[in-house]
N, C-alpha and C. Protein backbone atom coordinates (compact mmCIF):
# COMPACT_ATOMS: atom_id res chain seq x y z
N PRO A 1 -18.68 10.51 -20.10
CA PRO A 1 -19.74 9.87 -20.87
C PRO A 1 -20.59 8.97 -19.98
N GLU A 2 -21.88 9.01 -20.21
CA GLU A 2 -22.80 8.21 -19.40
C GLU A 2 -22.55 6.72 -19.62
N LEU A 3 -22.59 5.99 -18.52
CA LEU A 3 -22.42 4.54 -18.58
C LEU A 3 -23.67 3.91 -19.19
N LEU A 4 -23.44 2.99 -20.11
CA LEU A 4 -24.53 2.30 -20.77
C LEU A 4 -24.60 0.86 -20.31
N GLU A 5 -25.72 0.22 -20.63
CA GLU A 5 -25.86 -1.20 -20.29
C GLU A 5 -24.73 -1.99 -20.93
N GLY A 6 -24.10 -2.83 -20.16
CA GLY A 6 -22.98 -3.63 -20.66
C GLY A 6 -21.62 -3.01 -20.41
N ASP A 7 -21.59 -1.72 -20.10
CA ASP A 7 -20.30 -1.10 -19.75
C ASP A 7 -19.81 -1.68 -18.43
N ILE A 8 -18.51 -1.71 -18.28
CA ILE A 8 -17.89 -2.28 -17.10
C ILE A 8 -17.23 -1.18 -16.27
N VAL A 9 -17.46 -1.22 -14.97
CA VAL A 9 -16.78 -0.36 -14.01
C VAL A 9 -16.05 -1.28 -13.05
N ILE A 10 -14.78 -1.00 -12.83
CA ILE A 10 -14.01 -1.76 -11.86
C ILE A 10 -13.83 -0.91 -10.61
N ALA A 11 -14.30 -1.42 -9.49
CA ALA A 11 -14.08 -0.79 -8.19
C ALA A 11 -12.92 -1.54 -7.56
N LEU A 12 -11.77 -0.89 -7.49
CA LEU A 12 -10.55 -1.52 -7.04
C LEU A 12 -10.12 -0.92 -5.71
N GLY A 13 -9.83 -1.79 -4.75
CA GLY A 13 -9.41 -1.25 -3.46
C GLY A 13 -9.21 -2.30 -2.40
N ASP A 14 -9.36 -1.85 -1.18
CA ASP A 14 -9.11 -2.68 -0.01
C ASP A 14 -10.42 -3.07 0.66
N GLN A 15 -10.40 -3.19 1.99
CA GLN A 15 -11.59 -3.64 2.72
C GLN A 15 -12.77 -2.68 2.58
N PHE A 16 -12.51 -1.41 2.34
CA PHE A 16 -13.62 -0.47 2.18
C PHE A 16 -14.34 -0.67 0.85
N THR A 17 -13.65 -1.19 -0.14
CA THR A 17 -14.28 -1.55 -1.41
C THR A 17 -14.95 -2.92 -1.29
N ALA A 18 -14.26 -3.85 -0.65
CA ALA A 18 -14.80 -5.21 -0.49
C ALA A 18 -16.08 -5.23 0.33
N GLY A 19 -16.21 -4.28 1.25
CA GLY A 19 -17.39 -4.25 2.13
C GLY A 19 -17.18 -5.07 3.39
N THR A 20 -15.94 -5.24 3.80
CA THR A 20 -15.61 -6.04 4.98
C THR A 20 -16.39 -5.56 6.21
N GLY A 21 -16.96 -6.51 6.92
CA GLY A 21 -17.72 -6.19 8.12
C GLY A 21 -19.21 -6.16 7.88
N ALA A 22 -19.62 -6.18 6.63
CA ALA A 22 -21.04 -6.20 6.27
C ALA A 22 -21.21 -7.20 5.13
N SER A 23 -22.42 -7.54 4.83
CA SER A 23 -22.69 -8.41 3.69
C SER A 23 -22.19 -7.74 2.42
N THR A 24 -21.70 -8.52 1.46
CA THR A 24 -21.23 -7.93 0.20
C THR A 24 -22.34 -7.15 -0.50
N ALA A 25 -23.57 -7.46 -0.21
CA ALA A 25 -24.69 -6.70 -0.79
C ALA A 25 -24.67 -5.24 -0.35
N PHE A 26 -23.96 -4.94 0.74
CA PHE A 26 -23.89 -3.58 1.27
C PHE A 26 -22.59 -2.87 0.89
N SER A 27 -21.69 -3.55 0.18
CA SER A 27 -20.45 -2.90 -0.25
C SER A 27 -20.80 -1.74 -1.18
N TYR A 28 -19.92 -0.73 -1.24
CA TYR A 28 -20.27 0.40 -2.10
C TYR A 28 -20.41 0.00 -3.57
N PRO A 29 -19.61 -0.95 -4.11
CA PRO A 29 -19.87 -1.35 -5.50
C PRO A 29 -21.26 -1.96 -5.70
N SER A 30 -21.73 -2.75 -4.75
CA SER A 30 -23.07 -3.34 -4.87
C SER A 30 -24.15 -2.28 -4.82
N VAL A 31 -23.98 -1.30 -3.95
CA VAL A 31 -24.96 -0.21 -3.84
C VAL A 31 -24.94 0.62 -5.12
N LEU A 32 -23.74 0.91 -5.64
CA LEU A 32 -23.63 1.68 -6.89
C LEU A 32 -24.26 0.96 -8.07
N ALA A 33 -24.15 -0.35 -8.09
CA ALA A 33 -24.69 -1.14 -9.21
C ALA A 33 -26.19 -0.90 -9.38
N LYS A 34 -26.85 -0.55 -8.32
CA LYS A 34 -28.30 -0.30 -8.40
C LYS A 34 -28.61 1.05 -9.04
N SER A 35 -27.60 1.93 -9.17
CA SER A 35 -27.80 3.28 -9.70
C SER A 35 -27.44 3.40 -11.17
N THR A 36 -26.96 2.32 -11.76
CA THR A 36 -26.50 2.39 -13.14
C THR A 36 -26.81 1.07 -13.85
N ASN A 37 -26.80 1.12 -15.16
CA ASN A 37 -26.98 -0.10 -15.95
C ASN A 37 -25.67 -0.84 -16.15
N ALA A 38 -24.58 -0.23 -15.75
CA ALA A 38 -23.26 -0.85 -15.95
C ALA A 38 -23.05 -2.00 -14.98
N LEU A 39 -22.15 -2.87 -15.36
CA LEU A 39 -21.73 -3.96 -14.48
C LEU A 39 -20.57 -3.44 -13.64
N ILE A 40 -20.72 -3.46 -12.32
CA ILE A 40 -19.66 -2.99 -11.44
C ILE A 40 -18.99 -4.20 -10.82
N ILE A 41 -17.71 -4.35 -11.12
CA ILE A 41 -16.92 -5.46 -10.59
C ILE A 41 -16.27 -5.02 -9.30
N ASN A 42 -16.56 -5.74 -8.23
CA ASN A 42 -15.96 -5.43 -6.94
C ASN A 42 -14.61 -6.15 -6.86
N ALA A 43 -13.55 -5.38 -7.07
CA ALA A 43 -12.19 -5.91 -6.99
C ALA A 43 -11.52 -5.43 -5.70
N GLY A 44 -12.32 -5.40 -4.64
CA GLY A 44 -11.79 -5.03 -3.33
C GLY A 44 -11.37 -6.27 -2.57
N ARG A 45 -10.34 -6.12 -1.77
CA ARG A 45 -9.88 -7.23 -0.93
C ARG A 45 -9.38 -6.68 0.38
N ALA A 46 -9.89 -7.22 1.46
CA ALA A 46 -9.48 -6.78 2.79
C ALA A 46 -7.98 -6.96 2.96
N GLY A 47 -7.33 -5.96 3.51
CA GLY A 47 -5.91 -6.02 3.77
C GLY A 47 -5.03 -5.62 2.60
N ARG A 48 -5.64 -5.37 1.44
CA ARG A 48 -4.84 -5.03 0.25
C ARG A 48 -4.10 -3.72 0.48
N GLY A 49 -2.86 -3.73 0.08
CA GLY A 49 -2.06 -2.52 0.07
C GLY A 49 -1.86 -2.06 -1.35
N SER A 50 -1.28 -0.89 -1.50
CA SER A 50 -1.10 -0.33 -2.84
C SER A 50 -0.17 -1.17 -3.71
N SER A 51 0.71 -1.94 -3.10
CA SER A 51 1.64 -2.76 -3.90
C SER A 51 0.92 -3.86 -4.68
N ASP A 52 -0.31 -4.18 -4.30
CA ASP A 52 -1.07 -5.25 -4.95
C ASP A 52 -2.00 -4.79 -6.08
N ILE A 53 -2.12 -3.49 -6.28
CA ILE A 53 -3.19 -3.03 -7.17
C ILE A 53 -2.94 -3.33 -8.64
N MET A 54 -1.70 -3.23 -9.10
CA MET A 54 -1.43 -3.54 -10.51
C MET A 54 -1.69 -5.02 -10.80
N ALA A 55 -1.29 -5.88 -9.88
CA ALA A 55 -1.50 -7.32 -10.08
C ALA A 55 -2.99 -7.64 -10.10
N ALA A 56 -3.80 -6.86 -9.42
CA ALA A 56 -5.25 -7.08 -9.44
C ALA A 56 -5.89 -6.46 -10.68
N LEU A 57 -5.42 -5.29 -11.09
CA LEU A 57 -6.06 -4.57 -12.19
C LEU A 57 -5.72 -5.14 -13.57
N SER A 58 -4.47 -5.44 -13.81
CA SER A 58 -4.05 -5.86 -15.16
C SER A 58 -4.86 -7.01 -15.73
N PRO A 59 -5.05 -8.12 -14.99
CA PRO A 59 -5.87 -9.21 -15.57
C PRO A 59 -7.33 -8.82 -15.78
N LEU A 60 -7.85 -7.93 -14.95
CA LEU A 60 -9.24 -7.50 -15.13
C LEU A 60 -9.40 -6.71 -16.43
N LEU A 61 -8.39 -5.92 -16.77
CA LEU A 61 -8.46 -5.16 -18.03
C LEU A 61 -8.38 -6.07 -19.24
N VAL A 62 -7.66 -7.17 -19.12
CA VAL A 62 -7.59 -8.15 -20.21
C VAL A 62 -8.91 -8.91 -20.32
N GLU A 63 -9.42 -9.32 -19.17
CA GLU A 63 -10.66 -10.11 -19.14
C GLU A 63 -11.88 -9.30 -19.56
N HIS A 64 -11.86 -8.00 -19.27
CA HIS A 64 -13.01 -7.13 -19.54
C HIS A 64 -12.56 -5.95 -20.42
N PRO A 65 -12.55 -6.12 -21.73
CA PRO A 65 -12.06 -5.05 -22.60
C PRO A 65 -12.99 -3.84 -22.68
N ASN A 66 -14.19 -3.94 -22.13
CA ASN A 66 -15.15 -2.84 -22.21
C ASN A 66 -15.18 -1.99 -20.94
N VAL A 67 -14.07 -1.90 -20.23
CA VAL A 67 -14.03 -1.10 -19.00
C VAL A 67 -14.16 0.38 -19.37
N LYS A 68 -15.12 1.04 -18.75
CA LYS A 68 -15.37 2.45 -19.02
C LYS A 68 -14.95 3.37 -17.87
N LEU A 69 -14.69 2.76 -16.69
CA LEU A 69 -14.32 3.56 -15.53
C LEU A 69 -13.68 2.65 -14.49
N VAL A 70 -12.67 3.18 -13.81
CA VAL A 70 -12.10 2.51 -12.64
C VAL A 70 -12.26 3.45 -11.46
N ILE A 71 -12.75 2.92 -10.36
CA ILE A 71 -12.83 3.66 -9.11
C ILE A 71 -11.77 3.07 -8.20
N LEU A 72 -10.80 3.87 -7.81
CA LEU A 72 -9.69 3.39 -6.99
C LEU A 72 -9.76 4.00 -5.60
N SER A 73 -9.86 3.13 -4.61
CA SER A 73 -9.87 3.53 -3.20
C SER A 73 -8.87 2.63 -2.49
N ILE A 74 -7.66 3.13 -2.32
CA ILE A 74 -6.59 2.33 -1.75
C ILE A 74 -5.70 3.23 -0.89
N GLY A 75 -5.05 2.63 0.09
CA GLY A 75 -4.09 3.38 0.88
C GLY A 75 -4.26 3.26 2.37
N PHE A 76 -5.45 2.83 2.82
CA PHE A 76 -5.67 2.72 4.26
C PHE A 76 -4.61 1.85 4.91
N ASN A 77 -4.42 0.67 4.35
CA ASN A 77 -3.48 -0.28 4.97
C ASN A 77 -2.04 0.23 4.89
N ASP A 78 -1.70 0.89 3.79
CA ASP A 78 -0.37 1.48 3.68
C ASP A 78 -0.15 2.54 4.76
N ILE A 79 -1.12 3.43 4.89
CA ILE A 79 -1.00 4.52 5.86
C ILE A 79 -0.99 3.97 7.28
N GLN A 80 -1.89 3.02 7.56
CA GLN A 80 -1.98 2.44 8.89
C GLN A 80 -0.69 1.71 9.28
N GLN A 81 -0.07 1.03 8.32
CA GLN A 81 1.14 0.27 8.62
C GLN A 81 2.41 1.11 8.55
N GLY A 82 2.26 2.39 8.27
CA GLY A 82 3.42 3.28 8.24
C GLY A 82 4.31 3.08 7.02
N THR A 83 3.74 2.54 5.93
CA THR A 83 4.50 2.36 4.70
C THR A 83 4.96 3.73 4.19
N ASP A 84 6.18 3.78 3.71
CA ASP A 84 6.70 5.01 3.12
C ASP A 84 5.76 5.43 2.00
N LEU A 85 5.23 6.63 2.08
CA LEU A 85 4.22 7.08 1.12
C LEU A 85 4.78 7.24 -0.29
N ARG A 86 6.08 7.20 -0.45
CA ARG A 86 6.64 7.22 -1.81
C ARG A 86 6.23 5.94 -2.55
N PHE A 87 6.08 4.83 -1.82
CA PHE A 87 5.63 3.60 -2.45
C PHE A 87 4.18 3.72 -2.89
N LEU A 88 3.33 4.24 -2.02
CA LEU A 88 1.93 4.47 -2.36
C LEU A 88 1.84 5.33 -3.62
N ARG A 89 2.61 6.38 -3.65
CA ARG A 89 2.63 7.29 -4.80
C ARG A 89 3.05 6.55 -6.07
N THR A 90 4.10 5.74 -5.97
CA THR A 90 4.60 4.99 -7.13
C THR A 90 3.55 4.03 -7.65
N TYR A 91 2.93 3.26 -6.76
CA TYR A 91 1.97 2.24 -7.20
C TYR A 91 0.72 2.86 -7.81
N ILE A 92 0.22 3.92 -7.21
CA ILE A 92 -0.97 4.58 -7.78
C ILE A 92 -0.60 5.26 -9.10
N SER A 93 0.60 5.82 -9.19
CA SER A 93 1.05 6.43 -10.45
C SER A 93 1.10 5.40 -11.57
N GLU A 94 1.52 4.17 -11.26
CA GLU A 94 1.55 3.11 -12.26
C GLU A 94 0.14 2.79 -12.78
N VAL A 95 -0.83 2.79 -11.87
CA VAL A 95 -2.22 2.56 -12.27
C VAL A 95 -2.70 3.69 -13.17
N ILE A 96 -2.39 4.91 -12.78
CA ILE A 96 -2.80 6.07 -13.59
C ILE A 96 -2.21 5.96 -14.99
N LEU A 97 -0.93 5.64 -15.10
CA LEU A 97 -0.29 5.50 -16.41
C LEU A 97 -0.93 4.40 -17.25
N LEU A 98 -1.22 3.26 -16.62
CA LEU A 98 -1.86 2.16 -17.34
C LEU A 98 -3.23 2.57 -17.86
N LEU A 99 -4.01 3.22 -17.01
CA LEU A 99 -5.35 3.63 -17.44
C LEU A 99 -5.29 4.72 -18.50
N GLU A 100 -4.34 5.63 -18.40
CA GLU A 100 -4.16 6.66 -19.43
C GLU A 100 -3.84 5.99 -20.76
N LYS A 101 -2.97 4.98 -20.74
CA LYS A 101 -2.61 4.24 -21.96
C LYS A 101 -3.84 3.62 -22.61
N HIS A 102 -4.76 3.12 -21.78
CA HIS A 102 -5.98 2.49 -22.30
C HIS A 102 -7.14 3.49 -22.46
N LYS A 103 -6.88 4.76 -22.15
CA LYS A 103 -7.88 5.82 -22.25
C LYS A 103 -9.11 5.54 -21.37
N ILE A 104 -8.85 5.00 -20.18
CA ILE A 104 -9.91 4.70 -19.23
C ILE A 104 -9.87 5.74 -18.10
N PRO A 105 -10.98 6.42 -17.88
CA PRO A 105 -11.00 7.39 -16.78
C PRO A 105 -11.02 6.70 -15.42
N MET A 106 -10.59 7.45 -14.41
CA MET A 106 -10.53 6.91 -13.05
C MET A 106 -11.04 7.96 -12.07
N ILE A 107 -11.80 7.48 -11.10
CA ILE A 107 -12.13 8.29 -9.94
C ILE A 107 -11.20 7.82 -8.83
N LEU A 108 -10.36 8.72 -8.35
CA LEU A 108 -9.44 8.42 -7.27
C LEU A 108 -10.07 8.93 -5.97
N VAL A 109 -10.37 7.99 -5.09
CA VAL A 109 -11.00 8.32 -3.81
C VAL A 109 -9.89 8.49 -2.77
N GLY A 110 -9.74 9.69 -2.26
CA GLY A 110 -8.69 9.98 -1.30
C GLY A 110 -9.00 9.40 0.08
N MET A 111 -8.00 8.74 0.65
CA MET A 111 -8.12 8.21 2.01
C MET A 111 -7.76 9.31 3.01
N PRO A 112 -8.51 9.41 4.08
CA PRO A 112 -8.20 10.42 5.10
C PRO A 112 -6.88 10.13 5.80
N LYS A 113 -6.33 11.18 6.35
CA LYS A 113 -5.12 11.06 7.15
C LYS A 113 -5.46 10.34 8.46
N LEU A 114 -4.50 9.64 8.99
CA LEU A 114 -4.65 9.01 10.31
C LEU A 114 -4.23 10.00 11.39
N PRO A 115 -4.78 9.93 12.59
CA PRO A 115 -5.90 9.06 12.94
C PRO A 115 -7.19 9.57 12.33
N TYR A 116 -8.05 8.62 11.92
CA TYR A 116 -9.33 8.99 11.34
C TYR A 116 -10.18 9.65 12.42
N LYS A 117 -10.82 10.72 12.01
CA LYS A 117 -11.73 11.41 12.93
C LYS A 117 -12.76 12.18 12.12
N ALA A 118 -13.79 12.60 12.79
CA ALA A 118 -14.85 13.35 12.13
C ALA A 118 -14.25 14.57 11.44
N GLY A 119 -14.70 14.81 10.23
CA GLY A 119 -14.23 15.96 9.47
C GLY A 119 -12.89 15.76 8.81
N ALA A 120 -12.33 14.55 8.90
CA ALA A 120 -11.01 14.30 8.33
C ALA A 120 -11.02 14.50 6.82
N SER A 121 -10.00 15.15 6.34
CA SER A 121 -9.88 15.31 4.89
C SER A 121 -8.87 14.30 4.36
N ALA A 122 -8.86 14.15 3.06
CA ALA A 122 -7.97 13.17 2.44
C ALA A 122 -6.51 13.56 2.63
N HIS A 123 -5.68 12.55 2.68
CA HIS A 123 -4.24 12.78 2.77
C HIS A 123 -3.82 13.58 1.53
N PRO A 124 -2.95 14.57 1.68
CA PRO A 124 -2.58 15.43 0.54
C PRO A 124 -1.93 14.69 -0.64
N ILE A 125 -1.40 13.52 -0.42
CA ILE A 125 -0.76 12.78 -1.51
C ILE A 125 -1.75 12.45 -2.64
N TYR A 126 -3.03 12.30 -2.29
CA TYR A 126 -4.03 11.94 -3.30
C TYR A 126 -4.29 13.09 -4.28
N GLU A 127 -4.32 14.30 -3.79
CA GLU A 127 -4.52 15.44 -4.69
C GLU A 127 -3.34 15.56 -5.65
N LEU A 128 -2.15 15.35 -5.16
CA LEU A 128 -0.96 15.37 -6.00
C LEU A 128 -1.05 14.30 -7.09
N LEU A 129 -1.44 13.09 -6.68
CA LEU A 129 -1.58 11.99 -7.64
C LEU A 129 -2.65 12.29 -8.68
N ALA A 130 -3.77 12.82 -8.24
CA ALA A 130 -4.88 13.09 -9.16
C ALA A 130 -4.48 14.10 -10.24
N SER A 131 -3.60 15.01 -9.90
CA SER A 131 -3.19 16.02 -10.88
C SER A 131 -2.24 15.47 -11.93
N SER A 132 -1.81 14.21 -11.76
CA SER A 132 -0.82 13.65 -12.68
C SER A 132 -1.44 12.95 -13.89
N GLY A 133 -2.75 12.85 -13.95
CA GLY A 133 -3.38 12.18 -15.09
C GLY A 133 -4.54 13.01 -15.62
N GLU A 134 -4.66 13.07 -16.94
CA GLU A 134 -5.72 13.90 -17.51
C GLU A 134 -7.10 13.27 -17.40
N ARG A 135 -7.17 11.96 -17.15
CA ARG A 135 -8.46 11.28 -17.02
C ARG A 135 -8.78 10.94 -15.56
N VAL A 136 -8.06 11.55 -14.63
CA VAL A 136 -8.27 11.26 -13.21
C VAL A 136 -9.18 12.31 -12.61
N MET A 137 -10.27 11.84 -12.01
CA MET A 137 -11.18 12.70 -11.27
C MET A 137 -10.96 12.40 -9.79
N TYR A 138 -10.77 13.43 -9.02
CA TYR A 138 -10.39 13.27 -7.62
C TYR A 138 -11.60 13.49 -6.72
N GLU A 139 -11.82 12.55 -5.82
CA GLU A 139 -12.89 12.65 -4.83
C GLU A 139 -12.26 12.68 -3.43
N PRO A 140 -12.04 13.88 -2.87
CA PRO A 140 -11.34 13.99 -1.60
C PRO A 140 -12.19 13.79 -0.35
N ARG A 141 -13.53 13.82 -0.49
CA ARG A 141 -14.35 13.85 0.72
C ARG A 141 -15.33 12.69 0.84
N ALA A 142 -15.16 11.64 0.07
CA ALA A 142 -16.11 10.53 0.11
C ALA A 142 -16.18 9.88 1.49
N PHE A 143 -15.06 9.83 2.19
CA PHE A 143 -15.03 9.18 3.50
C PHE A 143 -15.49 10.09 4.63
N THR A 144 -15.44 11.40 4.43
CA THR A 144 -15.72 12.34 5.52
C THR A 144 -17.08 12.13 6.16
N PRO A 145 -18.19 12.06 5.41
CA PRO A 145 -19.49 11.87 6.05
C PRO A 145 -19.62 10.52 6.78
N VAL A 146 -18.88 9.52 6.30
CA VAL A 146 -18.91 8.22 6.97
C VAL A 146 -18.25 8.36 8.35
N LEU A 147 -17.11 9.01 8.37
CA LEU A 147 -16.35 9.14 9.62
C LEU A 147 -16.99 10.12 10.60
N ASN A 148 -17.89 10.96 10.11
CA ASN A 148 -18.55 11.95 10.97
C ASN A 148 -19.55 11.34 11.93
N THR A 149 -19.96 10.09 11.70
CA THR A 149 -20.99 9.46 12.52
C THR A 149 -20.49 8.12 13.04
N GLN A 150 -20.37 8.00 14.32
CA GLN A 150 -19.83 6.78 14.94
C GLN A 150 -20.64 5.54 14.55
N ALA A 151 -21.93 5.71 14.33
CA ALA A 151 -22.79 4.57 13.97
C ALA A 151 -22.41 3.97 12.61
N ASN A 152 -21.63 4.69 11.81
CA ASN A 152 -21.20 4.19 10.51
C ASN A 152 -19.98 3.28 10.61
N LEU A 153 -19.35 3.25 11.78
CA LEU A 153 -18.09 2.53 11.95
C LEU A 153 -18.28 1.26 12.77
N GLU A 154 -17.93 0.14 12.16
CA GLU A 154 -17.90 -1.13 12.90
C GLU A 154 -16.60 -1.17 13.71
N THR A 155 -15.51 -0.87 13.05
CA THR A 155 -14.17 -0.73 13.64
C THR A 155 -13.49 0.38 12.84
N PRO A 156 -12.29 0.80 13.22
CA PRO A 156 -11.62 1.82 12.42
C PRO A 156 -11.32 1.37 10.98
N SER A 157 -11.31 0.06 10.74
CA SER A 157 -11.01 -0.41 9.39
C SER A 157 -12.21 -1.10 8.73
N GLN A 158 -13.39 -0.97 9.32
CA GLN A 158 -14.60 -1.55 8.74
C GLN A 158 -15.78 -0.63 9.02
N PHE A 159 -16.67 -0.54 8.05
CA PHE A 159 -17.88 0.25 8.22
C PHE A 159 -19.06 -0.67 8.47
N THR A 160 -20.12 -0.09 8.97
CA THR A 160 -21.40 -0.80 9.06
C THR A 160 -22.05 -0.72 7.68
N ALA A 161 -23.15 -1.44 7.51
CA ALA A 161 -23.88 -1.38 6.25
C ALA A 161 -24.27 0.07 5.94
N THR A 162 -24.67 0.81 6.95
CA THR A 162 -25.03 2.22 6.76
C THR A 162 -23.81 3.03 6.32
N GLY A 163 -22.67 2.75 6.91
CA GLY A 163 -21.44 3.45 6.52
C GLY A 163 -21.08 3.21 5.06
N TYR A 164 -21.22 1.95 4.61
CA TYR A 164 -20.94 1.66 3.21
C TYR A 164 -21.95 2.33 2.29
N ARG A 165 -23.21 2.42 2.73
CA ARG A 165 -24.22 3.12 1.92
C ARG A 165 -23.85 4.59 1.77
N VAL A 166 -23.41 5.22 2.86
CA VAL A 166 -23.01 6.63 2.81
C VAL A 166 -21.81 6.80 1.87
N LEU A 167 -20.83 5.90 1.95
CA LEU A 167 -19.69 5.95 1.05
C LEU A 167 -20.15 5.83 -0.40
N ALA A 168 -21.05 4.89 -0.66
CA ALA A 168 -21.58 4.70 -2.02
C ALA A 168 -22.29 5.96 -2.52
N GLU A 169 -23.07 6.59 -1.66
CA GLU A 169 -23.78 7.81 -2.05
C GLU A 169 -22.80 8.92 -2.44
N ASN A 170 -21.70 9.01 -1.72
CA ASN A 170 -20.71 10.04 -2.03
C ASN A 170 -19.99 9.76 -3.35
N ILE A 171 -19.68 8.51 -3.60
CA ILE A 171 -19.05 8.16 -4.87
C ILE A 171 -20.05 8.31 -6.02
N GLU A 172 -21.29 7.94 -5.76
CA GLU A 172 -22.34 8.13 -6.76
C GLU A 172 -22.50 9.61 -7.11
N ALA A 173 -22.43 10.48 -6.12
CA ALA A 173 -22.54 11.92 -6.38
C ALA A 173 -21.41 12.39 -7.29
N ARG A 174 -20.20 11.86 -7.07
CA ARG A 174 -19.08 12.21 -7.95
C ARG A 174 -19.32 11.68 -9.37
N MET A 175 -19.84 10.46 -9.47
CA MET A 175 -20.14 9.88 -10.78
C MET A 175 -21.18 10.70 -11.52
N LYS A 176 -22.18 11.21 -10.81
CA LYS A 176 -23.19 12.09 -11.43
C LYS A 176 -22.56 13.38 -11.88
N LYS A 177 -21.74 13.96 -11.02
CA LYS A 177 -21.07 15.23 -11.35
C LYS A 177 -20.22 15.08 -12.61
N GLU A 178 -19.60 13.94 -12.79
CA GLU A 178 -18.74 13.71 -13.95
C GLU A 178 -19.50 13.18 -15.17
N GLY A 179 -20.83 12.95 -15.03
CA GLY A 179 -21.65 12.55 -16.17
C GLY A 179 -21.70 11.04 -16.44
N PHE A 180 -21.21 10.24 -15.51
CA PHE A 180 -21.25 8.79 -15.71
C PHE A 180 -22.64 8.22 -15.46
N ILE A 181 -23.39 8.83 -14.56
CA ILE A 181 -24.77 8.42 -14.31
C ILE A 181 -25.63 9.68 -14.16
N ARG A 182 -26.93 9.48 -14.36
CA ARG A 182 -27.86 10.63 -14.24
C ARG A 182 -28.37 10.75 -12.83
């Protein structure tokens, strides 16, 4: 369903959601906000791992009962730190179950496998997770065009303003495909 004025979208994630390395005006949630009438809440935090996502999401759902979509981009820090991926799977599954209970759709943005390189595809665990919820839309390639151009990367864990714009464009394309925006 198309997002209307006053609808809430929560962008939940780590430094790639927060926009670390660039002004918050260049974060993908800020760029997306210009493409829709909905209010996009940037719930990204640099360094966040998957174990923190429920603690971040639950109060937001209470505070904002009109949430129409959650965009989840998490896992970089887990993968980089060598966290057992069973934990990543468990924590994201908990989010999926919570959102299913509230009938809130989610776009799950797959993180590429390490080491990041041009043409990298999302880690296979994300496709498995996306298939576990009926309201989960999977975006496996949002990061690929960003990683394809060195000028988009400030560091391996931060993008330039241009890199965040490219990420936003890819997520926006998925939102259009799913009918959330025109």
